[in-house]
Amino acid sequence: MISLILLPNHSLWFASANLEGDALHTLRVTLVDPNNVLQSWDPTLVNPCTWFHVTCNNENSVIRVDLGNAELSGHLVPELGVLKNLQYLELYSNNITGPIPSNLGNLTNLVSLDLYLNRFTGPIPESLGKLSKLRFLRLNNNTLTGSIPMSLTNITTLQVLDLSNNQLSGSVPDNGSFSLFTPISFANNLDLCGPVTSHPCPGSPPFSPPPPFIPPPPVSTPSGYGITGAIAGGVAAGAALLFAAPAIAFAWWRRRKPLDIFFDVPAEEDPEVHLGQLKRFSLRELQVASDGFSNKNILGRGGFGKVYKGRLADGTLVAVKRLKEERTPGGELQFQTEVEMISMAVHRNLLRLRGFCMTPTERLLVYPYMANGSVASCLREYLSTGKSSEKTDVFGYGIMLLELLTGQRAFDLARLANDDDVMLLDWVKGLLKEKKLEMLVDPDLQTNYEERELEQVIQVALLCTQGSPMERPKMSEVVRMLEGDGLAERWDEWQKVEILREEIDLSPNPNSDWIVDSTYNLHAVELSGPR
């Protein structure tokens, strides 16, 4: 009985999904796709929600079509009007021709209609005035003709309008939502006229001229008050102008303000893609957030691309990873699979993927911004060699001890030696031998330390950074030496070996850089022992 009740609802959803899939497949058939962007639009699938560049809601109804900058040509089809839940139709920067279908007026949930930078012809459909939720209407840089429909002024939600660089004609409406838009929205339409353009419409002046000045009849006043009255009148007029000027300036500013919304699209307007809790960002949003992927916002770079610092419209700081472009067959499916895998990686020591952006030419991942830098920035510099073992860790611990004692990073610490012919560790040995530890210790400590303890820590650091991995202590031995167990014996043994080395002249080349960088002489300094 339950299955009989549920069957009609399921059939209704199945029919709706197929109807939307049929409409999009009809569009695919009429478009020329040189880059196989629409390769995944397979009509044999149950619904179009698995197709690339198509986003659906929880009910498997299409809410977004992203085909911007895909080098498509052909024309649009009226069947698009069946996508009742469509919110975003992004077809900008293609070579699509023909008229704009009037059936797009049936997309009553549409928020953004971006058809700019194409080759559309014909008039703007009057039916677009029925799009009561529309916020962004960009039809610029086409070959549209005819007049601007008055019905568009009824769209009270309209925030961004761009009809520039077309062949429109007639009067530009100045009522309703159109009262907010400036000449930029209508630029380079030579046959448009009206107050918002520089061309007056035939039979009407560009501005209403003031009525002709008729001097008032002279008023007979006593001679003593004529000059006083004129001065009082001038003062009153000046005061009125003084108070009116800010109001006029504010009104002019309010008239221009809607232009700024174009660069401040709230993040909530982009629907979420249901890959866990991931959000699908628009490319424009991430471009604005990163200042057009400016070099000044680069946080790092690697084999897969660059990472940029960005600030979203709500002020949230993010790290945007821009992957290198790979226009290979199946690349989009691979990217989606990788995004799904990354989103499932949840660990307290891993950054949680916040969202992504996928267009025909861009692949971007969005992570929270971490102000303290990357893990690599906190690793010991010697790891740039790529060698790793237990003995490498011991070497790094010795360098870290020297950093703690001096308050300097290893590279900065090397500069303290102030001698290009002396390696860092040789310099430390010399200071220890000459009892000049005050030149090594962190100035912030001043004299608040025990010289004997300082000397012992330096001895441990030098033992950990011996040239041969086999001669370095184990970490368990390091712990015991820091506790005072066995350090003296180990240090005496090492001193004897050092004296012997000096006698047979096996010391490292004094003209090389400090020991951590001596990768040209690996027989003298090995960072990593056997694995």
Protein backbone atom coordinates (compact mmCIF):
# COMPACT_ATOMS: atom_id res chain seq x y z
CA MET A 1 0.00 0.00 0.00
CA ILE A 2 2.88 2.36 0.86
CA SER A 3 4.56 1.66 -2.45
CA LEU A 4 1.32 2.46 -4.27
CA ILE A 5 1.15 5.80 -2.47
CA LEU A 6 4.79 6.69 -3.18
CA LEU A 7 4.75 5.60 -6.80
CA PRO A 8 2.91 8.66 -8.19
CA ASN A 9 5.36 11.06 -6.48
CA HIS A 10 8.34 9.09 -7.76
CA SER A 11 6.92 9.03 -11.25
CA LEU A 12 6.34 12.77 -11.09
CA TRP A 13 9.98 13.40 -10.09
CA PHE A 14 11.25 10.99 -12.75
CA ALA A 15 9.21 12.69 -15.44
CA SER A 16 10.35 16.14 -14.30
CA ALA A 17 14.02 15.13 -14.30
CA ASN A 18 13.71 13.58 -17.74
CA LEU A 19 11.93 16.68 -19.04
CA GLU A 20 14.81 18.89 -17.90
CA GLY A 21 17.34 16.44 -19.29
CA ASP A 22 15.56 16.41 -22.64
CA ALA A 23 15.60 20.22 -22.72
CA LEU A 24 19.33 20.40 -22.01
CA HIS A 25 20.09 17.65 -24.51
CA THR A 26 18.16 19.60 -27.13
CA LEU A 27 20.43 22.55 -26.34
CA ARG A 28 23.48 20.33 -26.73
CA VAL A 29 22.34 19.15 -30.16
CA THR A 30 21.98 22.73 -31.42
CA LEU A 31 25.34 23.92 -30.08
CA VAL A 32 28.72 23.40 -31.73
CA ASP A 33 31.15 22.18 -29.06
CA PRO A 34 34.75 22.11 -30.39
CA ASN A 35 36.27 21.33 -26.98
CA ASN A 36 33.83 18.55 -26.00
CA VAL A 37 32.69 20.51 -22.98
CA LEU A 38 29.27 18.85 -23.25
CA GLN A 39 30.63 15.34 -23.66
CA SER A 40 29.04 14.16 -20.41
CA TRP A 41 25.53 15.27 -21.43
CA ASP A 42 24.30 11.74 -22.05
CA PRO A 43 20.53 11.51 -22.64
CA THR A 44 20.48 7.84 -21.58
CA LEU A 45 21.16 8.76 -17.94
CA VAL A 46 18.26 8.99 -15.51
CA ASN A 47 18.64 12.74 -14.94
CA PRO A 48 21.05 15.54 -15.89
CA CYS A 49 22.37 16.05 -12.36
CA THR A 50 25.44 13.92 -13.10
CA TRP A 51 26.40 16.02 -16.11
CA PHE A 52 29.27 18.46 -15.89
CA HIS A 53 28.42 22.17 -15.77
CA VAL A 54 24.96 21.31 -14.39
CA THR A 55 24.04 21.78 -10.72
CA CYS A 56 20.92 20.37 -9.09
CA ASN A 57 19.14 20.83 -5.77
CA ASN A 58 18.08 18.12 -3.30
CA GLU A 59 15.10 17.28 -5.49
CA ASN A 60 17.36 16.61 -8.51
CA SER A 61 16.03 19.66 -10.30
CA VAL A 62 18.44 21.79 -12.32
CA ILE A 63 19.26 25.10 -10.62
CA ARG A 64 22.43 26.13 -12.45
CA VAL A 65 23.96 25.80 -15.92
CA ASP A 66 27.60 26.97 -16.20
CA LEU A 67 28.82 27.16 -19.79
CA GLY A 68 30.69 30.44 -19.74
CA ASN A 69 33.87 30.86 -21.80
CA ALA A 70 33.49 27.44 -23.43
CA GLU A 71 33.90 28.48 -27.11
CA LEU A 72 30.39 27.27 -27.92
CA SER A 73 28.50 28.40 -31.01
CA GLY A 74 25.02 27.76 -32.39
CA HIS A 75 21.77 29.08 -30.95
CA LEU A 76 19.58 28.70 -27.87
CA VAL A 77 16.41 26.64 -27.84
CA PRO A 78 12.96 27.51 -26.43
CA GLU A 79 12.98 24.23 -24.47
CA LEU A 80 15.13 25.96 -21.84
CA GLY A 81 11.91 27.45 -20.54
CA VAL A 82 11.02 24.15 -18.83
CA LEU A 83 13.84 24.55 -16.27
CA LYS A 84 11.42 26.01 -13.72
CA ASN A 85 13.90 25.97 -10.81
CA LEU A 86 16.87 27.35 -12.73
CA GLN A 87 18.59 30.16 -10.81
CA TYR A 88 21.77 30.77 -12.81
CA LEU A 89 22.14 30.64 -16.59
CA GLU A 90 25.79 31.37 -17.41
CA LEU A 91 26.47 31.42 -21.17
CA TYR A 92 28.83 34.39 -21.37
CA SER A 93 31.93 34.65 -23.60
CA ASN A 94 30.88 32.25 -26.35
CA ASN A 95 29.88 32.65 -30.01
CA ILE A 96 26.16 31.91 -29.67
CA THR A 97 24.00 33.54 -32.33
CA GLY A 98 20.32 34.05 -33.05
CA PRO A 99 17.60 35.58 -30.89
CA ILE A 100 17.16 35.30 -27.14
CA PRO A 101 14.22 32.87 -26.69
CA SER A 102 11.14 34.49 -25.19
CA ASN A 103 10.60 31.26 -23.22
CA LEU A 104 13.36 32.35 -20.85
CA GLY A 105 10.66 34.50 -19.29
CA ASN A 106 9.23 31.28 -17.82
CA LEU A 107 12.31 30.85 -15.60
CA THR A 108 10.65 32.62 -12.68
CA ASN A 109 13.34 31.54 -10.17
CA LEU A 110 16.18 32.96 -12.23
CA VAL A 111 18.63 35.10 -10.23
CA SER A 112 21.34 35.70 -12.83
CA LEU A 113 21.12 35.78 -16.63
CA ASP A 114 24.58 36.22 -18.18
CA LEU A 115 24.55 36.20 -21.99
CA TYR A 116 27.20 38.87 -22.55
CA LEU A 117 30.05 38.63 -25.07
CA ASN A 118 28.14 36.56 -27.62
CA ARG A 119 26.56 37.33 -31.00
CA PHE A 120 22.87 37.42 -30.11
CA THR A 121 20.61 39.35 -32.47
CA GLY A 122 17.04 40.57 -32.40
CA PRO A 123 15.14 42.32 -29.62
CA ILE A 124 15.27 41.83 -25.87
CA PRO A 125 12.20 39.68 -25.10
CA GLU A 126 9.38 41.50 -23.32
CA SER A 127 8.83 38.29 -21.33
CA LEU A 128 12.02 38.85 -19.31
CA GLY A 129 9.99 41.33 -17.27
CA LYS A 130 8.34 38.33 -15.59
CA LEU A 131 11.60 37.33 -13.89
CA SER A 132 10.64 38.75 -10.52
CA LYS A 133 13.71 37.34 -8.70
CA LEU A 134 16.30 38.48 -11.22
CA ARG A 135 19.26 40.37 -9.73
CA PHE A 136 21.84 40.29 -12.51
CA LEU A 137 20.98 40.89 -16.17
CA ARG A 138 24.03 41.18 -18.41
CA LEU A 139 23.35 41.25 -22.15
CA ASN A 140 26.22 43.54 -23.13
CA ASN A 141 28.52 43.08 -26.14
CA ASN A 142 26.02 41.45 -28.48
CA THR A 143 24.13 42.76 -31.54
CA LEU A 144 20.72 43.22 -29.96
CA THR A 145 18.32 45.62 -31.66
CA GLY A 146 14.98 47.25 -30.93
CA SER A 147 13.86 49.12 -27.85
CA ILE A 148 14.36 48.33 -24.19
CA PRO A 149 11.19 46.62 -22.90
CA MET A 150 9.31 48.68 -20.33
CA SER A 151 8.51 45.43 -18.52
CA LEU A 152 12.09 45.28 -17.22
CA THR A 153 11.39 48.29 -14.99
CA ASN A 154 9.00 46.10 -12.97
CA ILE A 155 11.82 43.85 -11.72
CA THR A 156 12.28 45.39 -8.28
CA THR A 157 15.12 42.99 -7.34
CA LEU A 158 17.35 44.03 -10.24
CA GLN A 159 20.75 45.17 -8.94
CA VAL A 160 23.07 44.92 -11.94
CA LEU A 161 22.06 45.80 -15.49
CA ASP A 162 24.42 45.94 -18.47
CA LEU A 163 22.99 46.50 -21.96
CA SER A 164 26.05 48.31 -23.30
CA ASN A 165 27.70 47.72 -26.68
CA ASN A 166 24.60 46.68 -28.62
CA GLN A 167 22.46 48.33 -31.31
CA LEU A 168 19.45 49.21 -29.18
CA SER A 169 17.28 52.18 -30.03
CA GLY A 170 14.48 54.28 -28.58
CA SER A 171 13.99 55.86 -25.20
CA VAL A 172 15.70 54.54 -22.08
CA PRO A 173 13.13 54.06 -19.30
CA ASP A 174 13.82 56.07 -16.17
CA ASN A 175 11.14 54.72 -13.85
CA GLY A 176 11.03 51.74 -11.49
CA SER A 177 14.32 49.90 -11.01
CA PHE A 178 15.81 51.76 -13.99
CA SER A 179 15.94 54.96 -11.95
CA LEU A 180 19.00 53.53 -10.16
CA PHE A 181 21.14 52.80 -13.22
CA THR A 182 23.73 55.13 -14.72
CA PRO A 183 24.82 55.77 -18.34
CA ILE A 184 27.39 52.97 -18.08
CA SER A 185 24.58 50.40 -18.27
CA PHE A 186 23.53 51.72 -21.69
CA ALA A 187 26.83 52.91 -23.20
CA ASN A 188 27.66 52.52 -26.90
CA ASN A 189 24.07 52.17 -28.11
CA LEU A 190 24.11 55.11 -30.51
CA ASP A 191 20.35 55.15 -31.13
CA LEU A 192 19.27 55.21 -27.49
CA CYS A 193 17.99 58.48 -26.13
CA GLY A 194 16.72 59.94 -22.90
CA PRO A 195 17.94 61.75 -19.79
CA VAL A 196 20.34 58.94 -18.82
CA THR A 197 22.13 59.20 -22.19
CA SER A 198 23.78 62.15 -23.88
CA HIS A 199 21.15 62.18 -26.63
CA PRO A 200 17.74 63.82 -26.15
CA CYS A 201 14.80 61.99 -27.65
CA PRO A 202 13.14 63.68 -30.70
CA GLY A 203 10.65 66.33 -29.66
CA SER A 204 11.89 66.62 -26.09
CA PRO A 205 14.82 68.58 -24.68
CA PRO A 206 17.53 66.74 -22.77
CA PHE A 207 16.60 68.56 -19.59
CA SER A 208 13.54 70.58 -18.70
CA PRO A 209 14.62 74.22 -19.13
CA PRO A 210 13.88 76.59 -16.28
CA PRO A 211 10.98 78.98 -16.82
CA PRO A 212 11.98 82.38 -18.17
CA PHE A 213 12.98 84.84 -15.51
CA ILE A 214 10.37 87.50 -14.88
CA PRO A 215 11.56 90.18 -12.52
CA PRO A 216 9.10 90.93 -9.75
CA PRO A 217 7.40 94.29 -9.79
CA PRO A 218 9.23 96.89 -7.77
CA VAL A 219 8.00 97.30 -4.26
CA SER A 220 7.94 100.77 -2.88
CA THR A 221 9.87 100.79 0.34
CA PRO A 222 11.39 103.52 2.36
CA SER A 223 14.78 104.42 0.97
CA GLY A 224 16.48 103.47 4.21
CA TYR A 225 15.48 99.78 3.96
CA GLY A 226 16.17 98.96 0.26
CA ILE A 227 19.82 97.96 0.63
CA THR A 228 19.16 96.10 3.90
CA GLY A 229 16.42 93.99 2.28
CA ALA A 230 18.66 93.05 -0.64
CA ILE A 231 21.45 91.96 1.70
CA ALA A 232 19.05 89.91 3.82
CA GLY A 233 17.66 88.20 0.73
CA GLY A 234 21.16 87.34 -0.50
CA VAL A 235 22.13 85.87 2.86
CA ALA A 236 18.96 83.75 2.95
CA ALA A 237 19.58 82.43 -0.56
CA GLY A 238 23.20 81.59 0.27
CA ALA A 239 22.17 79.74 3.43
CA ALA A 240 19.57 77.73 1.51
CA LEU A 241 22.17 76.75 -1.08
CA LEU A 242 24.62 75.78 1.67
CA PHE A 243 22.12 73.37 3.24
CA ALA A 244 20.92 72.04 -0.12
CA ALA A 245 24.41 71.16 -1.43
CA PRO A 246 24.93 68.09 0.86
CA ALA A 247 21.47 66.80 -0.04
CA ILE A 248 22.22 67.13 -3.75
CA ALA A 249 25.60 65.39 -3.32
CA PHE A 250 24.01 62.55 -1.33
CA ALA A 251 21.33 62.04 -3.98
CA TRP A 252 24.02 61.87 -6.68
CA TRP A 253 26.00 59.33 -4.62
CA ARG A 254 22.91 57.16 -4.11
CA ARG A 255 22.31 57.21 -7.84
CA ARG A 256 25.82 55.85 -8.52
CA LYS A 257 25.95 53.35 -5.64
CA PRO A 258 24.31 50.37 -7.43
CA LEU A 259 27.39 50.10 -9.65
CA ASP A 260 29.41 48.86 -6.68
CA ILE A 261 27.17 45.83 -6.20
CA PHE A 262 28.69 44.33 -9.33
CA PHE A 263 31.92 43.80 -7.42
CA ASP A 264 30.29 42.71 -4.16
CA VAL A 265 28.18 39.67 -4.96
CA PRO A 266 27.23 38.01 -1.65
CA ALA A 267 28.50 34.47 -1.29
CA GLU A 268 25.07 33.14 -0.33
CA GLU A 269 23.81 33.71 -3.85
CA ASP A 270 25.79 30.74 -5.11
CA PRO A 271 23.96 27.44 -4.49
CA GLU A 272 25.70 24.69 -2.60
CA VAL A 273 26.77 21.57 -4.42
CA HIS A 274 25.96 18.48 -2.46
CA LEU A 275 29.43 17.00 -2.08
CA GLY A 276 29.21 16.77 1.69
CA GLN A 277 29.18 20.32 3.00
CA LEU A 278 31.19 21.80 0.13
CA LYS A 279 30.19 25.07 -1.44
CA ARG A 280 30.51 25.78 -5.12
CA PHE A 281 31.98 29.23 -5.61
CA SER A 282 31.60 31.23 -8.78
CA LEU A 283 34.76 32.12 -10.67
CA ARG A 284 33.90 35.82 -10.46
CA GLU A 285 33.61 35.60 -6.67
CA LEU A 286 37.08 34.11 -6.32
CA GLN A 287 38.53 36.56 -8.84
CA VAL A 288 37.20 39.47 -6.80
CA ALA A 289 38.34 37.85 -3.53
CA SER A 290 41.93 37.45 -4.76
CA ASP A 291 42.11 40.78 -6.61
CA GLY A 292 42.15 39.06 -9.97
CA PHE A 293 44.63 36.40 -8.77
CA SER A 294 47.17 39.14 -8.18
CA ASN A 295 50.80 38.14 -7.64
CA LYS A 296 50.84 40.17 -4.43
CA ASN A 297 48.36 37.67 -2.93
CA ILE A 298 50.40 34.54 -3.71
CA LEU A 299 50.93 32.47 -0.56
CA GLY A 300 52.88 29.70 -2.25
CA ARG A 301 53.38 27.70 -5.42
CA GLY A 302 54.04 24.09 -6.28
CA GLY A 303 53.78 21.46 -8.96
CA PHE A 304 49.99 21.62 -9.01
CA GLY A 305 49.59 25.40 -9.15
CA LYS A 306 49.59 28.51 -7.00
CA VAL A 307 47.82 29.38 -3.74
CA TYR A 308 46.36 32.86 -3.29
CA LYS A 309 45.13 34.73 -0.25
CA GLY A 310 41.57 35.97 -0.71
CA ARG A 311 38.84 37.83 1.14
CA LEU A 312 35.23 36.86 0.43
CA ALA A 313 32.38 39.34 0.30
CA ASP A 314 31.51 38.64 3.94
CA GLY A 315 35.09 39.40 5.03
CA THR A 316 36.18 35.79 5.51
CA LEU A 317 39.82 35.13 4.64
CA VAL A 318 40.45 32.06 2.48
CA ALA A 319 43.30 30.36 0.66
CA VAL A 320 42.45 29.75 -3.00
CA LYS A 321 44.44 27.00 -4.71
CA ARG A 322 44.42 27.58 -8.47
CA LEU A 323 45.29 24.31 -10.18
CA LYS A 324 47.22 24.25 -13.41
CA GLU A 325 44.96 23.87 -16.43
CA GLU A 326 44.72 20.39 -17.87
CA ARG A 327 42.42 20.13 -20.86
CA THR A 328 42.52 16.34 -21.03
CA PRO A 329 39.60 13.97 -21.67
CA GLY A 330 38.00 13.01 -18.39
CA GLY A 331 39.77 15.82 -16.55
CA GLU A 332 36.55 17.19 -15.11
CA LEU A 333 35.48 13.79 -13.83
CA GLN A 334 38.91 13.31 -12.28
CA PHE A 335 38.70 16.72 -10.61
CA GLN A 336 35.24 15.98 -9.19
CA THR A 337 36.48 12.63 -7.89
CA GLU A 338 39.47 14.29 -6.24
CA VAL A 339 37.24 16.92 -4.65
CA GLU A 340 35.03 14.19 -3.21
CA MET A 341 38.07 12.36 -1.83
CA ILE A 342 39.56 15.52 -0.30
CA SER A 343 36.23 16.43 1.29
CA MET A 344 36.19 13.07 3.09
CA ALA A 345 39.63 13.66 4.63
CA VAL A 346 38.73 14.93 8.10
CA HIS A 347 41.47 15.22 10.71
CA ARG A 348 42.34 17.77 13.36
CA ASN A 349 45.74 18.34 11.71
CA LEU A 350 44.35 18.81 8.20
CA LEU A 351 42.63 21.84 6.75
CA ARG A 352 39.03 21.06 5.87
CA LEU A 353 38.18 21.82 2.26
CA ARG A 354 35.63 24.63 2.23
CA GLY A 355 34.58 24.64 -1.41
CA PHE A 356 35.61 24.57 -5.03
CA CYS A 357 35.08 26.17 -8.41
CA MET A 358 34.98 24.32 -11.72
CA THR A 359 34.64 25.95 -15.14
CA PRO A 360 35.73 24.76 -18.58
CA THR A 361 39.07 26.53 -18.08
CA GLU A 362 39.57 26.76 -14.31
CA ARG A 363 39.89 24.36 -11.38
CA LEU A 364 40.07 25.96 -7.93
CA LEU A 365 39.97 24.69 -4.34
CA VAL A 366 39.05 26.93 -1.41
CA TYR A 367 40.48 26.35 2.07
CA PRO A 368 40.38 28.37 5.30
CA TYR A 369 43.23 30.87 5.52
CA MET A 370 45.81 30.08 8.20
CA ALA A 371 47.65 33.21 9.29
CA ASN A 372 50.64 31.33 10.73
CA GLY A 373 51.78 30.03 7.35
CA SER A 374 52.25 26.53 6.02
CA VAL A 375 53.81 23.52 7.70
CA ALA A 376 56.77 23.82 5.34
CA SER A 377 57.54 27.28 6.70
CA CYS A 378 58.04 25.77 10.16
CA LEU A 379 60.21 22.83 9.11
CA ARG A 380 63.97 22.87 9.42
CA GLU A 381 65.55 24.33 6.29
CA TYR A 382 67.74 21.26 5.65
CA LEU A 383 64.64 19.28 4.67
CA SER A 384 64.81 20.98 1.28
CA THR A 385 67.22 18.17 0.34
CA GLY A 386 64.34 15.73 0.47
CA LYS A 387 66.32 13.24 2.59
CA SER A 388 64.71 11.83 5.71
CA SER A 389 65.55 9.25 8.37
CA GLU A 390 65.81 8.93 12.13
CA LYS A 391 69.29 10.47 12.00
CA THR A 392 67.95 13.35 9.95
CA ASP A 393 65.50 14.06 12.76
CA VAL A 394 68.36 14.06 15.27
CA PHE A 395 70.29 16.53 13.12
CA GLY A 396 67.22 18.77 12.91
CA TYR A 397 66.78 18.60 16.67
CA GLY A 398 70.32 19.83 17.14
CA ILE A 399 69.70 22.78 14.84
CA MET A 400 66.48 23.50 16.72
CA LEU A 401 68.37 23.59 20.03
CA LEU A 402 70.70 26.22 18.58
CA GLU A 403 67.69 28.22 17.40
CA LEU A 404 66.22 28.10 20.91
CA LEU A 405 69.48 29.20 22.50
CA THR A 406 70.10 32.08 20.12
CA GLY A 407 66.54 33.21 19.37
CA GLN A 408 67.44 33.10 15.66
CA ARG A 409 66.29 30.97 12.75
CA ALA A 410 69.00 28.75 11.34
CA PHE A 411 69.66 30.90 8.27
CA ASP A 412 69.81 34.06 10.38
CA LEU A 413 71.98 32.25 12.90
CA ALA A 414 74.50 31.46 10.17
CA ARG A 415 74.91 35.16 9.49
CA LEU A 416 75.94 35.74 13.10
CA ALA A 417 79.23 34.04 12.31
CA ASN A 418 80.05 37.10 10.20
CA ASP A 419 82.73 35.21 8.30
CA ASP A 420 82.21 33.54 4.94
CA ASP A 421 85.11 31.18 5.59
CA VAL A 422 83.69 29.75 8.83
CA MET A 423 80.84 27.25 8.90
CA LEU A 424 78.07 27.67 11.44
CA LEU A 425 78.88 24.66 13.61
CA ASP A 426 82.61 25.42 13.56
CA TRP A 427 81.76 28.91 14.77
CA VAL A 428 79.66 27.50 17.63
CA LYS A 429 82.48 25.12 18.57
CA GLY A 430 84.92 28.03 18.64
CA LEU A 431 82.71 30.11 20.94
CA LEU A 432 82.27 27.13 23.27
CA LYS A 433 86.01 26.48 23.37
CA GLU A 434 86.82 30.14 24.01
CA LYS A 435 84.07 30.51 26.64
CA LYS A 436 82.41 33.34 24.70
CA LEU A 437 78.87 32.04 24.98
CA GLU A 438 77.48 35.53 25.55
CA MET A 439 77.93 36.08 21.80
CA LEU A 440 75.65 33.11 21.14
CA VAL A 441 72.89 33.34 23.71
CA ASP A 442 69.54 35.02 23.02
CA PRO A 443 69.84 38.72 24.04
CA ASP A 444 66.35 38.55 25.54
CA LEU A 445 67.70 36.21 28.21
CA GLN A 446 70.19 38.89 29.29
CA THR A 447 71.96 37.15 32.20
CA ASN A 448 69.03 35.03 33.35
CA TYR A 449 70.61 31.65 32.63
CA GLU A 450 73.08 29.17 34.11
CA GLU A 451 76.30 29.05 32.11
CA ARG A 452 76.84 25.37 32.92
CA GLU A 453 73.37 24.40 31.67
CA LEU A 454 73.86 26.52 28.57
CA GLU A 455 77.16 24.80 27.87
CA GLN A 456 75.56 21.36 28.25
CA VAL A 457 72.74 22.18 25.82
CA ILE A 458 75.30 23.41 23.26
CA GLN A 459 77.24 20.18 23.68
CA VAL A 460 74.09 18.15 23.01
CA ALA A 461 73.34 20.28 19.93
CA LEU A 462 76.84 19.72 18.53
CA LEU A 463 76.66 15.98 19.15
CA CYS A 464 73.34 15.86 17.29
CA THR A 465 74.78 17.68 14.28
CA GLN A 466 77.87 15.57 13.65
CA GLY A 467 78.83 15.13 10.01
CA SER A 468 78.26 11.38 9.91
CA PRO A 469 74.75 10.08 10.70
CA MET A 470 76.25 6.97 12.32
CA GLU A 471 78.04 9.11 14.92
CA ARG A 472 74.93 11.00 16.02
CA PRO A 473 73.15 9.79 19.18
CA LYS A 474 69.70 8.28 19.18
CA MET A 475 66.85 10.44 20.44
CA SER A 476 66.56 8.26 23.54
CA GLU A 477 70.22 9.01 24.26
CA VAL A 478 69.61 12.72 23.65
CA VAL A 479 66.87 12.69 26.28
CA ARG A 480 69.19 11.03 28.82
CA MET A 481 72.01 13.51 28.06
CA LEU A 482 69.66 16.47 28.60
CA GLU A 483 68.82 14.92 31.97
CA GLY A 484 72.56 14.82 32.79
CA ASP A 485 73.11 11.11 32.18
CA GLY A 486 76.14 10.21 30.04
CA LEU A 487 76.73 13.60 28.47
CA ALA A 488 80.22 14.09 29.90
CA GLU A 489 81.43 10.70 28.66
CA ARG A 490 79.92 11.15 25.20
CA TRP A 491 81.38 14.65 24.91
CA ASP A 492 84.88 13.50 25.91
CA GLU A 493 84.78 10.73 23.29
CA TRP A 494 83.71 13.19 20.62
CA GLN A 495 86.46 15.65 21.59
CA LYS A 496 89.10 12.94 21.14
CA VAL A 497 87.73 12.09 17.69
CA GLU A 498 87.75 15.76 16.72
CA ILE A 499 91.37 16.14 17.79
CA LEU A 500 92.28 13.07 15.74
CA ARG A 501 90.45 14.49 12.70
CA GLU A 502 92.36 17.73 12.97
CA GLU A 503 95.64 15.84 13.11
CA ILE A 504 94.96 13.86 9.92
CA ASP A 505 93.29 16.85 8.24
CA LEU A 506 89.88 15.27 7.65
CA SER A 507 87.94 18.36 8.61
CA PRO A 508 85.29 19.66 6.12
CA ASN A 509 86.26 22.15 3.42
CA PRO A 510 86.52 25.54 5.17
CA ASN A 511 85.44 27.40 2.03
CA SER A 512 82.02 25.79 1.83
CA ASP A 513 78.86 27.25 3.30
CA TRP A 514 77.59 26.28 6.72
CA ILE A 515 77.23 22.57 7.29
CA VAL A 516 73.50 22.32 6.60
CA ASP A 517 74.00 23.61 3.07
CA SER A 518 77.03 21.47 2.25
CA THR A 519 75.17 19.21 -0.17
CA TYR A 520 78.04 19.47 -2.65
CA ASN A 521 80.29 17.53 -0.29
CA LEU A 522 78.05 14.71 0.89
CA HIS A 523 80.93 12.48 1.93
CA ALA A 524 81.71 15.07 4.61
CA VAL A 525 78.17 15.77 5.77
CA GLU A 526 75.40 13.21 5.37
CA LEU A 527 71.98 14.41 6.41
CA SER A 528 70.34 11.02 6.24
CA GLY A 529 71.53 7.65 7.35
CA PRO A 530 70.36 4.21 6.16
CA ARG A 531 66.59 3.79 5.95
